[in-house]
Protein backbone atom coordinates (compact mmCIF):
# COMPACT_ATOMS: atom_id res chain seq x y z
CA UNK A 1 -5.13 36.56 -6.08
CA UNK A 2 -2.31 35.55 -8.38
CA UNK A 3 -3.08 31.84 -7.97
CA UNK A 4 -6.75 32.48 -8.71
CA UNK A 5 -5.91 34.45 -11.86
CA UNK A 6 -3.49 31.72 -12.95
CA UNK A 7 -6.19 29.08 -12.57
CA UNK A 8 -8.63 31.32 -14.44
CA UNK A 9 -6.19 31.62 -17.34
CA UNK A 10 -5.83 27.85 -17.53
CA UNK A 11 -9.60 27.39 -17.47
CA UNK A 12 -10.08 30.03 -20.17
CA UNK A 13 -7.42 28.40 -22.35
CA UNK A 14 -9.05 25.00 -22.06
CA UNK A 15 -12.47 26.47 -22.78
CA UNK A 16 -11.13 28.34 -25.80
CA UNK A 17 -9.57 25.16 -27.20
CA UNK A 18 -12.80 23.22 -26.76
CA UNK A 19 -14.90 26.04 -28.21
CA UNK A 20 -12.64 26.35 -31.26
CA UNK A 21 -12.75 22.61 -31.89
CA UNK A 22 -16.53 22.52 -31.48
CA UNK A 23 -17.13 25.46 -33.85
CA UNK A 24 -14.96 24.10 -36.62
CA UNK A 25 -16.45 20.67 -36.16
CA UNK A 26 -19.96 22.12 -36.60
CA UNK A 27 -18.87 24.10 -39.68
CA UNK A 28 -17.35 21.00 -41.19
CA UNK A 29 -20.50 18.95 -40.52
CA UNK A 30 -22.68 21.67 -42.11
CA UNK A 31 -20.53 21.83 -45.24
CA UNK A 32 -20.50 18.04 -45.51
CA UNK A 33 -24.30 18.06 -45.30
CA UNK A 34 -25.27 20.93 -47.65
CA UNK A 35 -22.67 20.25 -50.33
CA UNK A 36 -23.50 16.59 -50.83
CA UNK A 37 -19.90 15.48 -50.46
CA UNK A 38 -19.11 11.92 -51.42
CA UNK A 39 -16.26 9.75 -52.58
CA UNK A 40 -14.56 10.92 -55.74
CA UNK A 41 -14.97 8.23 -58.37
CA UNK A 42 -12.26 9.82 -60.55
CA UNK A 43 -9.51 10.16 -57.99
CA UNK A 44 -6.88 12.67 -59.13
CA UNK A 45 -3.49 11.55 -57.86
CA UNK A 46 -1.71 14.85 -58.63
CA UNK A 47 -4.32 16.98 -56.87
CA UNK A 48 -4.35 14.70 -53.86
CA UNK A 49 -0.53 14.72 -53.63
CA UNK A 50 -0.36 18.51 -53.72
CA UNK A 51 -3.09 18.78 -51.09
CA UNK A 52 -1.37 16.20 -48.91
CA UNK A 53 1.99 17.95 -49.11
CA UNK A 54 0.38 21.25 -48.15
CA UNK A 55 -1.32 19.63 -45.15
CA UNK A 56 1.90 17.92 -44.08
CA UNK A 57 3.82 21.19 -44.39
CA UNK A 58 1.23 22.99 -42.28
CA UNK A 59 1.33 20.16 -39.76
CA UNK A 60 5.13 20.22 -39.38
CA UNK A 61 5.14 24.01 -39.12
CA UNK A 62 2.42 24.02 -36.46
CA UNK A 63 4.04 21.19 -34.50
CA UNK A 64 7.48 22.79 -34.37
CA UNK A 65 6.14 26.27 -33.63
CA UNK A 66 3.85 24.96 -30.88
CA UNK A 67 6.76 23.03 -29.34
CA UNK A 68 9.12 25.98 -29.51
CA UNK A 69 6.67 28.50 -28.04
CA UNK A 70 5.65 26.09 -25.29
CA UNK A 71 9.25 25.29 -24.28
CA UNK A 72 10.21 28.97 -24.16
CA UNK A 73 7.14 29.86 -22.10
CA UNK A 74 7.47 26.96 -19.66
CA UNK A 75 11.21 27.49 -19.12
CA UNK A 76 10.83 31.23 -18.50
CA UNK A 77 7.82 30.84 -16.24
CA UNK A 78 8.72 32.38 -12.87
CA UNK A 79 7.81 30.00 -10.06
CA UNK A 80 7.44 27.11 -12.48
CA UNK A 81 8.92 23.68 -11.74
CA UNK A 82 11.81 24.15 -14.17
CA UNK A 83 12.91 27.54 -12.82
CA UNK A 84 12.43 26.34 -9.23
CA UNK A 85 14.60 23.25 -9.70
CA UNK A 86 17.22 25.17 -11.67
CA UNK A 87 17.49 27.81 -8.94
CA UNK A 88 17.81 25.16 -6.20
CA UNK A 89 20.43 23.29 -8.22
CA UNK A 90 22.50 26.43 -8.86
CA UNK A 91 22.41 27.41 -5.18
CA UNK A 92 23.37 23.89 -4.11
CA UNK A 93 26.26 23.65 -6.56
CA UNK A 94 27.60 27.01 -5.43
CA UNK A 95 27.35 26.01 -1.74
CA UNK A 96 29.55 22.91 -2.21
CA UNK A 97 32.19 24.36 -4.52
CA UNK A 98 34.87 23.80 -1.86
CA UNK A 99 33.89 20.11 -1.61
CA UNK A 100 33.30 19.38 -5.29
CA UNK A 101 36.87 18.14 -5.77
CA UNK A 102 35.80 15.02 -3.86
CA UNK A 103 32.68 14.33 -5.95
CA UNK A 104 34.47 11.85 -8.23
CA UNK A 105 35.62 9.89 -5.17
CA UNK A 106 32.03 9.83 -3.88
CA UNK A 107 30.85 8.68 -7.31
CA UNK A 108 33.38 5.83 -7.44
CA UNK A 109 32.35 4.78 -3.93
CA UNK A 110 28.61 4.96 -4.53
CA UNK A 111 28.55 3.24 -7.94
CA UNK A 112 29.16 -0.34 -6.69
CA UNK A 113 26.65 0.21 -3.87
CA UNK A 114 24.06 1.30 -6.39
CA UNK A 115 24.81 -1.75 -8.55
CA UNK A 116 24.49 -4.02 -5.52
CA UNK A 117 21.11 -2.50 -4.69
CA UNK A 118 19.96 -2.97 -8.28
CA UNK A 119 20.86 -6.67 -8.15
CA UNK A 120 19.01 -7.11 -4.85
CA UNK A 121 15.92 -5.38 -6.23
CA UNK A 122 16.08 -7.56 -9.35
CA UNK A 123 16.09 -10.75 -7.26
CA UNK A 124 13.24 -9.49 -5.09
CA UNK A 125 11.24 -8.65 -8.23
CA UNK A 126 11.77 -12.28 -9.27
CA UNK A 127 10.26 -13.56 -6.00
CA UNK A 128 13.50 -14.17 -4.10
CA UNK A 129 13.18 -13.52 -0.36
CA UNK A 130 14.58 -10.10 0.58
CA UNK A 131 17.17 -11.34 3.12
CA UNK A 132 18.17 -14.20 0.84
CA UNK A 133 18.59 -11.79 -2.07
CA UNK A 134 20.86 -9.50 -0.02
CA UNK A 135 23.03 -12.40 1.16
CA UNK A 136 23.39 -13.84 -2.35
CA UNK A 137 24.47 -10.50 -3.80
CA UNK A 138 26.83 -9.68 -0.93
CA UNK A 139 28.48 -13.02 -0.28
CA UNK A 140 28.13 -15.26 -3.34
CA UNK A 141 29.97 -15.56 -6.66
CA UNK A 142 29.25 -17.58 -9.77
CA UNK A 143 31.36 -20.37 -8.25
CA UNK A 144 28.66 -20.86 -5.61
CA UNK A 145 25.83 -21.23 -8.11
CA UNK A 146 25.97 -24.99 -8.68
CA UNK A 147 26.15 -25.65 -4.92
CA UNK A 148 23.18 -23.34 -4.29
CA UNK A 149 21.13 -25.36 -6.78
CA UNK A 150 21.82 -28.54 -4.79
CA UNK A 151 21.90 -27.54 -1.13
CA UNK A 152 22.21 -24.75 1.43
CA UNK A 153 25.70 -23.26 1.83
CA UNK A 154 27.70 -21.43 4.46
CA UNK A 155 29.79 -18.34 3.67
CA UNK A 156 32.18 -16.26 5.74
CA UNK A 157 31.09 -14.84 9.09
CA UNK A 158 28.79 -17.87 9.51
CA UNK A 159 26.28 -16.62 6.94
CA UNK A 160 24.03 -19.48 5.76
CA UNK A 161 22.15 -19.23 2.48
CA UNK A 162 19.34 -21.67 1.68
CA UNK A 163 19.09 -23.83 -1.43
CA UNK A 164 17.64 -22.13 -4.49
CA UNK A 165 14.03 -22.89 -5.36
CA UNK A 166 13.21 -23.74 -8.96
CA UNK A 167 11.75 -20.31 -9.75
CA UNK A 168 14.81 -18.56 -8.26
CA UNK A 169 17.47 -20.30 -10.36
CA UNK A 170 17.36 -18.20 -13.53
CA UNK A 171 17.35 -14.83 -11.79
CA UNK A 172 20.20 -15.78 -9.44
CA UNK A 173 22.25 -17.06 -12.35
CA UNK A 174 21.80 -13.75 -14.17
CA UNK A 175 22.96 -11.82 -11.12
CA UNK A 176 25.97 -13.99 -10.28
CA UNK A 177 27.13 -14.21 -13.89
CA UNK A 178 27.30 -10.44 -14.17
CA UNK A 179 24.41 -9.97 -16.60
CA UNK A 180 22.86 -7.31 -14.39
CA UNK A 181 24.79 -4.13 -15.00
CA UNK A 182 24.36 -0.45 -14.30
CA UNK A 183 24.58 2.13 -17.08
CA UNK A 184 25.60 5.55 -15.85
CA UNK A 185 26.43 8.96 -17.24
CA UNK A 186 29.69 9.72 -15.45
CA UNK A 187 30.42 12.04 -12.53
CA UNK A 188 30.53 15.18 -14.69
CA UNK A 189 26.88 14.67 -15.69
CA UNK A 190 25.78 15.77 -12.21
CA UNK A 191 27.97 18.88 -12.07
CA UNK A 192 26.24 20.73 -14.91
CA UNK A 193 22.49 21.42 -14.98
CA UNK A 194 22.34 21.17 -18.78
CA UNK A 195 24.67 18.23 -19.51
CA UNK A 196 23.01 15.29 -21.27
CA UNK A 197 23.02 11.67 -20.20
CA UNK A 198 24.69 9.16 -22.47
CA UNK A 199 23.27 6.26 -20.50
CA UNK A 200 17.96 2.24 -13.39
CA UNK A 201 19.66 2.36 -9.87
CA UNK A 202 19.86 5.86 -8.56
CA UNK A 203 22.65 6.94 -10.88
CA UNK A 204 20.85 5.57 -13.94
CA UNK A 205 17.77 7.74 -13.51
CA UNK A 206 19.24 10.46 -15.68
CA UNK A 207 19.11 8.11 -18.65
CA UNK A 208 15.49 7.29 -17.89
CA UNK A 209 14.53 10.97 -18.15
CA UNK A 210 16.47 11.40 -21.39
CA UNK A 211 14.71 8.41 -22.98
CA UNK A 212 11.33 9.72 -21.84
CA UNK A 213 12.04 13.03 -23.56
CA UNK A 214 12.90 11.28 -26.83
CA UNK A 215 9.85 8.99 -26.61
CA UNK A 216 7.57 11.95 -25.92
CA UNK A 217 8.72 13.80 -29.00
CA UNK A 218 8.90 10.77 -31.28
CA UNK A 219 5.44 9.43 -30.45
CA UNK A 220 3.81 12.84 -30.51
CA UNK A 221 5.25 13.74 -33.89
CA UNK A 222 4.62 10.31 -35.42
CA UNK A 223 0.96 10.32 -34.35
CA UNK A 224 0.55 13.81 -35.75
CA UNK A 225 2.11 12.93 -39.11
CA UNK A 226 0.02 9.78 -39.49
CA UNK A 227 -3.14 11.67 -38.55
CA UNK A 228 -2.41 14.39 -41.10
CA UNK A 229 -1.79 11.85 -43.86
CA UNK A 230 -5.10 10.11 -43.09
CA UNK A 231 -6.90 13.46 -43.12
CA UNK A 232 -5.29 14.45 -46.41
CA UNK A 233 -6.18 11.13 -48.04
CA UNK A 234 -9.78 11.48 -46.88
CA UNK A 235 -10.05 15.05 -48.14
CA UNK A 236 -8.44 14.20 -51.46
CA UNK A 237 -10.83 11.35 -52.04
CA UNK A 238 -13.93 13.51 -51.61
CA UNK A 239 -15.84 15.34 -54.35
CA UNK A 240 -18.66 17.91 -54.31
CA UNK A 241 -21.82 17.81 -56.40
CA UNK A 242 -25.05 19.86 -56.61
CA UNK A 243 -26.17 22.84 -54.45
CA UNK A 244 -23.04 25.00 -55.09
CA UNK A 245 -20.13 25.09 -57.46
CA UNK A 246 -17.85 22.13 -56.76
CA UNK A 247 -14.66 24.21 -56.79
CA UNK A 248 -16.06 26.66 -54.23
CA UNK A 249 -17.10 23.89 -51.86
CA UNK A 250 -13.78 22.10 -52.27
CA UNK A 251 -11.98 25.31 -51.40
CA UNK A 252 -14.05 25.58 -48.21
CA UNK A 253 -13.26 21.97 -47.31
CA UNK A 254 -9.55 22.60 -47.92
CA UNK A 255 -9.65 25.74 -45.78
CA UNK A 256 -11.31 23.95 -42.88
CA UNK A 257 -9.01 20.95 -43.07
CA UNK A 258 -5.87 23.12 -43.19
CA UNK A 259 -6.95 25.37 -40.33
CA UNK A 260 -7.84 22.29 -38.31
CA UNK A 261 -4.47 20.68 -39.03
CA UNK A 262 -2.63 23.90 -38.10
CA UNK A 263 -4.55 24.32 -34.85
CA UNK A 264 -4.24 20.69 -33.77
CA UNK A 265 -0.52 20.71 -34.67
CA UNK A 266 0.06 23.82 -32.58
CA UNK A 267 -1.81 22.23 -29.68
CA UNK A 268 0.06 18.95 -30.07
CA UNK A 269 3.40 20.77 -30.20
CA UNK A 270 2.44 22.83 -27.16
CA UNK A 271 1.61 19.72 -25.14
CA UNK A 272 4.80 17.99 -26.28
CA UNK A 273 6.87 21.03 -25.31
CA UNK A 274 5.20 21.20 -21.90
CA UNK A 275 5.96 17.54 -21.21
CA UNK A 276 9.53 18.01 -22.41
CA UNK A 277 10.16 20.91 -20.02
CA UNK A 278 8.66 18.91 -17.13
CA UNK A 279 11.06 16.08 -17.92
CA UNK A 280 13.97 18.54 -18.08
CA UNK A 281 12.89 19.87 -14.68
CA UNK A 282 12.87 16.27 -13.43
CA UNK A 283 16.42 15.77 -14.73
CA UNK A 284 17.68 18.84 -12.87
CA UNK A 285 15.78 17.69 -9.76
CA UNK A 286 17.48 14.29 -10.04
CA UNK A 287 20.91 15.92 -10.27
CA UNK A 288 20.05 18.00 -7.20
CA UNK A 289 19.16 14.80 -5.29
CA UNK A 290 22.56 13.32 -6.16
CA UNK A 291 24.34 16.45 -4.94
CA UNK A 292 22.35 16.22 -1.69
CA UNK A 293 23.40 12.58 -1.37
CA UNK A 294 27.02 13.58 -1.98
CA UNK A 295 26.84 16.32 0.66
CA UNK A 296 25.35 14.01 3.29
CA UNK A 297 27.92 11.30 2.55
CA UNK A 298 30.74 13.85 2.68
CA UNK A 299 29.59 15.31 6.00
CA UNK A 300 29.26 11.84 7.54
CA UNK A 301 32.61 10.74 6.02
CA UNK A 302 31.03 7.68 4.45
CA UNK A 303 33.52 7.46 1.58
CA UNK A 304 37.34 7.76 1.51
CA UNK A 305 38.55 11.24 0.57
CA UNK A 306 42.03 11.85 -0.74
CA UNK A 307 44.13 14.28 -2.71
CA UNK A 308 45.16 12.80 -6.05
CA UNK A 309 48.76 13.98 -5.70
CA UNK A 310 49.04 12.52 -2.21
CA UNK A 311 47.60 9.25 -3.46
CA UNK A 312 50.11 9.20 -6.32
CA UNK A 313 52.92 9.89 -3.83
CA UNK A 314 51.80 6.98 -1.63
CA UNK A 315 51.71 4.63 -4.61
CA UNK A 316 55.13 5.77 -5.73
CA UNK A 317 56.55 5.12 -2.27
CA UNK A 318 54.95 1.66 -2.31
CA UNK A 319 56.57 1.02 -5.68
CA UNK A 320 60.01 2.05 -4.36
CA UNK A 321 59.63 -0.30 -1.39
CA UNK A 322 58.67 -3.17 -3.68
CA UNK A 323 61.70 -2.55 -5.85
CA UNK A 324 63.97 -2.43 -2.80
CA UNK A 325 62.51 -5.70 -1.53
CA UNK A 326 63.21 -7.30 -4.89
CA UNK A 327 66.82 -6.15 -4.81
CA UNK A 328 67.29 -7.38 -1.26
CA UNK A 329 65.67 -10.68 -2.19
């Protein structure tokens, strides 16, 4: 029953939005028709500027309010994607609190593997054979590049790599020269649900979500501002003659345009806020995936685990031995 009522609410909301838009569109068409509106031959700059500023103010107000209300509603929605991911993340983080001291070691171990995978995927995307791409990334350095351009080569463990084809040269050069890099947010980014990324590989996905959030807001707001300016210019350039007093008709036109701008701004802000919360939910889901990867790697002992003090002690003992060897030498 609850799912049915939820769907009904969504349908009613959509229908209400469409009905509102249709009604105001019809009203606007009627006023345009009966008031004989046309282009104003004596364009008043001051009047237009005031009208435009009012419309822009209404637009900004509606956009920000719509965004704010939408974000609050979507974040607090019980059973919603954001709350679901946040709950899972919190439970996961709490369940591994005795292991979390080793997360930095996992991160340092996984980072070069992620970079290696990114390089392989880049070569494959540039039409390099999958096996060939893996062997180049794993066994070759920039010193092998000139030889690869001329002939097949043999690397350690009897691994043979075929000569580069013409269309493979540029991509392989980029990879071997270190131009393909991985931008990451640091280990601490994954240990807090609300920390922000400062930086594509697995570890880079956080930055992708952050950029999508910024793009969503920037494009949405820019389109809205430009639309409002165009509307205000159009309204300011119109004049009313015959049938009714010009000032009365102009007031009606202003009322309709401002209500329309407010409503569309609220709707635009609402949609922008909804997308933003979905992206935030995706960010938390991504962090959860990394914690799952850490847990699996920890349980299978895939990366070296050590105590920092013990490691420091080992290095100090190595240093003492080196100094003793120097003295004996």
